[in-house]
Amino acid sequence: MQGLTQTLFSADTNLLFFAGRAALLLIAFAGFAIAFGRWRRAGTRQMESLITRLDESRDETRGLAELTQGLAAQLIALRQQLEERAQLVQATAGSNSGGIDLAVRLARQGSNIDDIVKTCGVTRNEAQLLARLHVAEVHRQP
């Protein structure tokens, strides 16, 4: 009987050790599963944060690209205006030198201001000034 008790006791002990080990493995597995789930959720949150920041960066880049295109268009328009003004300055400088001399002669002859403007290509204010100066000069001469 003692042999049978001892066999039952050793069988119970082995069964208890086996159950203990199984319980420890289950607890360890549950701990790892919980830790893995938390790690995965943290990774998902970080990925969503990165995606949000990437979208914000893309939007900002698109805005900067649109702004750059607008500035480029303004720069082209300003360059064209500058070229037009330079051409205008060159054209008026070349034509006014002879036009002013003619305007002075016409003013001395007593021509109408509108005639001076049309003939010489000077502005109305310039024609008025020339008429005042040179008509008075003609009347002062003996």
C-alpha atoms as a PDB file:
ATOM      1  CA  MET A   1       0.000   0.000   0.000  1.00  0.00           C
ATOM      2  CA  GLN A   2       2.833   2.251   0.739  1.00  0.00           C
ATOM      3  CA  GLY A   3       4.117   1.768  -2.802  1.00  0.00           C
ATOM      4  CA  LEU A   4       0.719   2.678  -4.154  1.00  0.00           C
ATOM      5  CA  THR A   5       0.543   5.816  -1.977  1.00  0.00           C
ATOM      6  CA  GLN A   6       3.956   6.773  -3.017  1.00  0.00           C
ATOM      7  CA  THR A   7       3.062   6.309  -6.685  1.00  0.00           C
ATOM      8  CA  LEU A   8      -0.091   8.357  -6.274  1.00  0.00           C
ATOM      9  CA  PHE A   9       1.831  11.032  -4.388  1.00  0.00           C
ATOM     10  CA  SER A  10       4.530  11.196  -7.056  1.00  0.00           C
ATOM     11  CA  ALA A  11       1.807  11.254  -9.759  1.00  0.00           C
ATOM     12  CA  ASP A  12       0.038  14.085  -7.899  1.00  0.00           C
ATOM     13  CA  THR A  13       3.337  15.934  -7.526  1.00  0.00           C
ATOM     14  CA  ASN A  14       4.141  15.567 -11.215  1.00  0.00           C
ATOM     15  CA  LEU A  15       0.635  16.689 -12.099  1.00  0.00           C
ATOM     16  CA  LEU A  16       0.956  19.695  -9.785  1.00  0.00           C
ATOM     17  CA  PHE A  17       4.310  20.666 -11.290  1.00  0.00           C
ATOM     18  CA  PHE A  18       2.872  20.279 -14.782  1.00  0.00           C
ATOM     19  CA  ALA A  19      -0.165  22.407 -13.878  1.00  0.00           C
ATOM     20  CA  GLY A  20       2.087  25.020 -12.268  1.00  0.00           C
ATOM     21  CA  ARG A  21       4.276  25.209 -15.323  1.00  0.00           C
ATOM     22  CA  ALA A  22       1.226  25.432 -17.592  1.00  0.00           C
ATOM     23  CA  ALA A  23      -0.205  28.241 -15.452  1.00  0.00           C
ATOM     24  CA  LEU A  24       3.100  30.126 -15.541  1.00  0.00           C
ATOM     25  CA  LEU A  25       3.262  29.718 -19.305  1.00  0.00           C
ATOM     26  CA  LEU A  26      -0.313  30.985 -19.662  1.00  0.00           C
ATOM     27  CA  ILE A  27       0.436  33.999 -17.436  1.00  0.00           C
ATOM     28  CA  ALA A  28       3.631  34.738 -19.387  1.00  0.00           C
ATOM     29  CA  PHE A  29       1.752  34.361 -22.694  1.00  0.00           C
ATOM     30  CA  ALA A  30      -1.008  36.707 -21.484  1.00  0.00           C
ATOM     31  CA  GLY A  31       1.617  39.239 -20.345  1.00  0.00           C
ATOM     32  CA  PHE A  32       3.369  39.086 -23.702  1.00  0.00           C
ATOM     33  CA  ALA A  33       0.042  39.376 -25.542  1.00  0.00           C
ATOM     34  CA  ILE A  34      -0.888  42.479 -23.534  1.00  0.00           C
ATOM     35  CA  ALA A  35       2.567  44.016 -24.036  1.00  0.00           C
ATOM     36  CA  PHE A  36       2.450  43.233 -27.776  1.00  0.00           C
ATOM     37  CA  GLY A  37      -1.021  44.788 -28.092  1.00  0.00           C
ATOM     38  CA  ARG A  38       0.117  47.961 -26.331  1.00  0.00           C
ATOM     39  CA  TRP A  39       3.250  48.122 -28.461  1.00  0.00           C
ATOM     40  CA  ARG A  40       1.164  47.692 -31.606  1.00  0.00           C
ATOM     41  CA  ARG A  41      -1.349  50.388 -30.587  1.00  0.00           C
ATOM     42  CA  ALA A  42       1.514  52.784 -29.771  1.00  0.00           C
ATOM     43  CA  GLY A  43       3.041  52.055 -33.173  1.00  0.00           C
ATOM     44  CA  THR A  44      -0.316  52.716 -34.850  1.00  0.00           C
ATOM     45  CA  ARG A  45      -0.680  56.043 -33.007  1.00  0.00           C
ATOM     46  CA  GLN A  46       2.844  57.043 -34.010  1.00  0.00           C
ATOM     47  CA  MET A  47       2.165  56.070 -37.622  1.00  0.00           C
ATOM     48  CA  GLU A  48      -1.058  58.117 -37.658  1.00  0.00           C
ATOM     49  CA  SER A  49       0.825  61.066 -36.177  1.00  0.00           C
ATOM     50  CA  LEU A  50       3.500  60.759 -38.863  1.00  0.00           C
ATOM     51  CA  ILE A  51       0.862  60.537 -41.605  1.00  0.00           C
ATOM     52  CA  THR A  52      -0.882  63.639 -40.248  1.00  0.00           C
ATOM     53  CA  ARG A  53       2.392  65.567 -40.144  1.00  0.00           C
ATOM     54  CA  LEU A  54       3.233  64.368 -43.653  1.00  0.00           C
ATOM     55  CA  ASP A  55      -0.153  65.584 -44.928  1.00  0.00           C
ATOM     56  CA  GLU A  56       0.418  68.960 -43.254  1.00  0.00           C
ATOM     57  CA  SER A  57       3.858  69.158 -44.856  1.00  0.00           C
ATOM     58  CA  ARG A  58       2.390  68.337 -48.272  1.00  0.00           C
ATOM     59  CA  ASP A  59      -0.273  71.018 -47.876  1.00  0.00           C
ATOM     60  CA  GLU A  60       2.367  73.536 -46.848  1.00  0.00           C
ATOM     61  CA  THR A  61       4.558  72.537 -49.788  1.00  0.00           C
ATOM     62  CA  ARG A  62       1.623  72.926 -52.187  1.00  0.00           C
ATOM     63  CA  GLY A  63       0.923  76.372 -50.732  1.00  0.00           C
ATOM     64  CA  LEU A  64       4.541  77.372 -51.154  1.00  0.00           C
ATOM     65  CA  ALA A  65       4.538  76.067 -54.732  1.00  0.00           C
ATOM     66  CA  GLU A  66       1.431  78.125 -55.532  1.00  0.00           C
ATOM     67  CA  LEU A  67       3.000  81.166 -53.900  1.00  0.00           C
ATOM     68  CA  THR A  68       6.175  80.625 -55.909  1.00  0.00           C
ATOM     69  CA  GLN A  69       4.178  80.405 -59.131  1.00  0.00           C
ATOM     70  CA  GLY A  70       2.359  83.616 -58.240  1.00  0.00           C
ATOM     71  CA  LEU A  71       5.637  85.375 -57.482  1.00  0.00           C
ATOM     72  CA  ALA A  72       7.124  84.114 -60.742  1.00  0.00           C
ATOM     73  CA  ALA A  73       4.138  85.498 -62.652  1.00  0.00           C
ATOM     74  CA  GLN A  74       4.503  88.839 -60.869  1.00  0.00           C
ATOM     75  CA  LEU A  75       8.224  88.872 -61.633  1.00  0.00           C
ATOM     76  CA  ILE A  76       7.535  88.247 -65.324  1.00  0.00           C
ATOM     77  CA  ALA A  77       4.943  91.032 -65.372  1.00  0.00           C
ATOM     78  CA  LEU A  78       7.359  93.419 -63.643  1.00  0.00           C
ATOM     79  CA  ARG A  79      10.119  92.500 -66.072  1.00  0.00           C
ATOM     80  CA  GLN A  80       7.815  93.207 -69.002  1.00  0.00           C
ATOM     81  CA  GLN A  81       6.808  96.563 -67.511  1.00  0.00           C
ATOM     82  CA  LEU A  82      10.451  97.433 -66.974  1.00  0.00           C
ATOM     83  CA  GLU A  83      11.313  96.536 -70.556  1.00  0.00           C
ATOM     84  CA  GLU A  84       8.352  98.559 -71.847  1.00  0.00           C
ATOM     85  CA  ARG A  85       9.388 101.566 -69.794  1.00  0.00           C
ATOM     86  CA  ALA A  86      12.993 101.258 -70.952  1.00  0.00           C
ATOM     87  CA  GLN A  87      11.807 101.171 -74.560  1.00  0.00           C
ATOM     88  CA  LEU A  88       9.550 104.145 -73.897  1.00  0.00           C
ATOM     89  CA  VAL A  89      12.415 106.092 -72.330  1.00  0.00           C
ATOM     90  CA  GLN A  90      14.637 105.316 -75.295  1.00  0.00           C
ATOM     91  CA  ALA A  91      11.914 106.285 -77.752  1.00  0.00           C
ATOM     92  CA  THR A  92      11.067 109.537 -75.974  1.00  0.00           C
ATOM     93  CA  ALA A  93      14.704 110.452 -75.434  1.00  0.00           C
ATOM     94  CA  GLY A  94      15.476 110.052 -79.106  1.00  0.00           C
ATOM     95  CA  SER A  95      12.338 111.733 -80.411  1.00  0.00           C
ATOM     96  CA  ASN A  96      12.066 114.547 -77.873  1.00  0.00           C
ATOM     97  CA  SER A  97      15.486 116.019 -78.535  1.00  0.00           C
ATOM     98  CA  GLY A  98      14.415 117.088 -82.007  1.00  0.00           C
ATOM     99  CA  GLY A  99      10.806 117.540 -80.904  1.00  0.00           C
ATOM    100  CA  ILE A 100      11.670 120.035 -78.203  1.00  0.00           C
ATOM    101  CA  ASP A 101      13.721 122.116 -80.611  1.00  0.00           C
ATOM    102  CA  LEU A 102      10.785 122.157 -83.008  1.00  0.00           C
ATOM    103  CA  ALA A 103       8.411 122.963 -80.131  1.00  0.00           C
ATOM    104  CA  VAL A 104      10.591 125.921 -79.124  1.00  0.00           C
ATOM    105  CA  ARG A 105      10.529 127.234 -82.720  1.00  0.00           C
ATOM    106  CA  LEU A 106       6.771 126.800 -82.925  1.00  0.00           C
ATOM    107  CA  ALA A 107       6.291 128.506 -79.558  1.00  0.00           C
ATOM    108  CA  ARG A 108       8.416 131.445 -80.729  1.00  0.00           C
ATOM    109  CA  GLN A 109       6.284 131.658 -83.850  1.00  0.00           C
ATOM    110  CA  GLY A 110       3.174 131.811 -81.611  1.00  0.00           C
ATOM    111  CA  SER A 111       1.683 128.412 -82.552  1.00  0.00           C
ATOM    112  CA  ASN A 112      -1.282 126.975 -80.696  1.00  0.00           C
ATOM    113  CA  ILE A 113      -0.516 124.613 -77.750  1.00  0.00           C
ATOM    114  CA  ASP A 114      -2.529 121.779 -79.331  1.00  0.00           C
ATOM    115  CA  ASP A 115      -0.539 122.144 -82.539  1.00  0.00           C
ATOM    116  CA  ILE A 116       2.736 121.960 -80.609  1.00  0.00           C
ATOM    117  CA  VAL A 117       1.593 118.788 -78.786  1.00  0.00           C
ATOM    118  CA  LYS A 118       0.450 117.079 -82.010  1.00  0.00           C
ATOM    119  CA  THR A 119       3.441 118.100 -84.077  1.00  0.00           C
ATOM    120  CA  CYS A 120       6.311 117.636 -81.632  1.00  0.00           C
ATOM    121  CA  GLY A 121       5.193 114.749 -79.396  1.00  0.00           C
ATOM    122  CA  VAL A 122       5.646 116.715 -76.177  1.00  0.00           C
ATOM    123  CA  THR A 123       3.162 116.688 -73.334  1.00  0.00           C
ATOM    124  CA  ARG A 124       0.551 119.378 -72.955  1.00  0.00           C
ATOM    125  CA  ASN A 125       2.279 120.726 -69.834  1.00  0.00           C
ATOM    126  CA  GLU A 126       5.591 120.951 -71.678  1.00  0.00           C
ATOM    127  CA  ALA A 127       3.912 122.768 -74.574  1.00  0.00           C
ATOM    128  CA  GLN A 128       2.265 125.240 -72.186  1.00  0.00           C
ATOM    129  CA  LEU A 129       5.583 125.910 -70.460  1.00  0.00           C
ATOM    130  CA  LEU A 130       7.398 126.431 -73.754  1.00  0.00           C
ATOM    131  CA  ALA A 131       4.656 128.742 -74.993  1.00  0.00           C
ATOM    132  CA  ARG A 132       4.823 130.861 -71.840  1.00  0.00           C
ATOM    133  CA  LEU A 133       8.600 131.069 -71.874  1.00  0.00           C
ATOM    134  CA  HIS A 134       9.187 131.711 -75.534  1.00  0.00           C
ATOM    135  CA  VAL A 135       6.190 133.942 -76.254  1.00  0.00           C
ATOM    136  CA  ALA A 136       7.310 136.178 -73.396  1.00  0.00           C
ATOM    137  CA  GLU A 137      10.856 136.048 -74.765  1.00  0.00           C
ATOM    138  CA  VAL A 138       9.664 137.155 -78.208  1.00  0.00           C
ATOM    139  CA  HIS A 139       7.741 140.111 -76.733  1.00  0.00           C
ATOM    140  CA  ARG A 140      10.798 141.205 -74.700  1.00  0.00           C
ATOM    141  CA  GLN A 141      13.155 141.348 -77.665  1.00  0.00           C
ATOM    142  CA  PRO A 142      13.436 144.865 -79.309  1.00  0.00           C
END
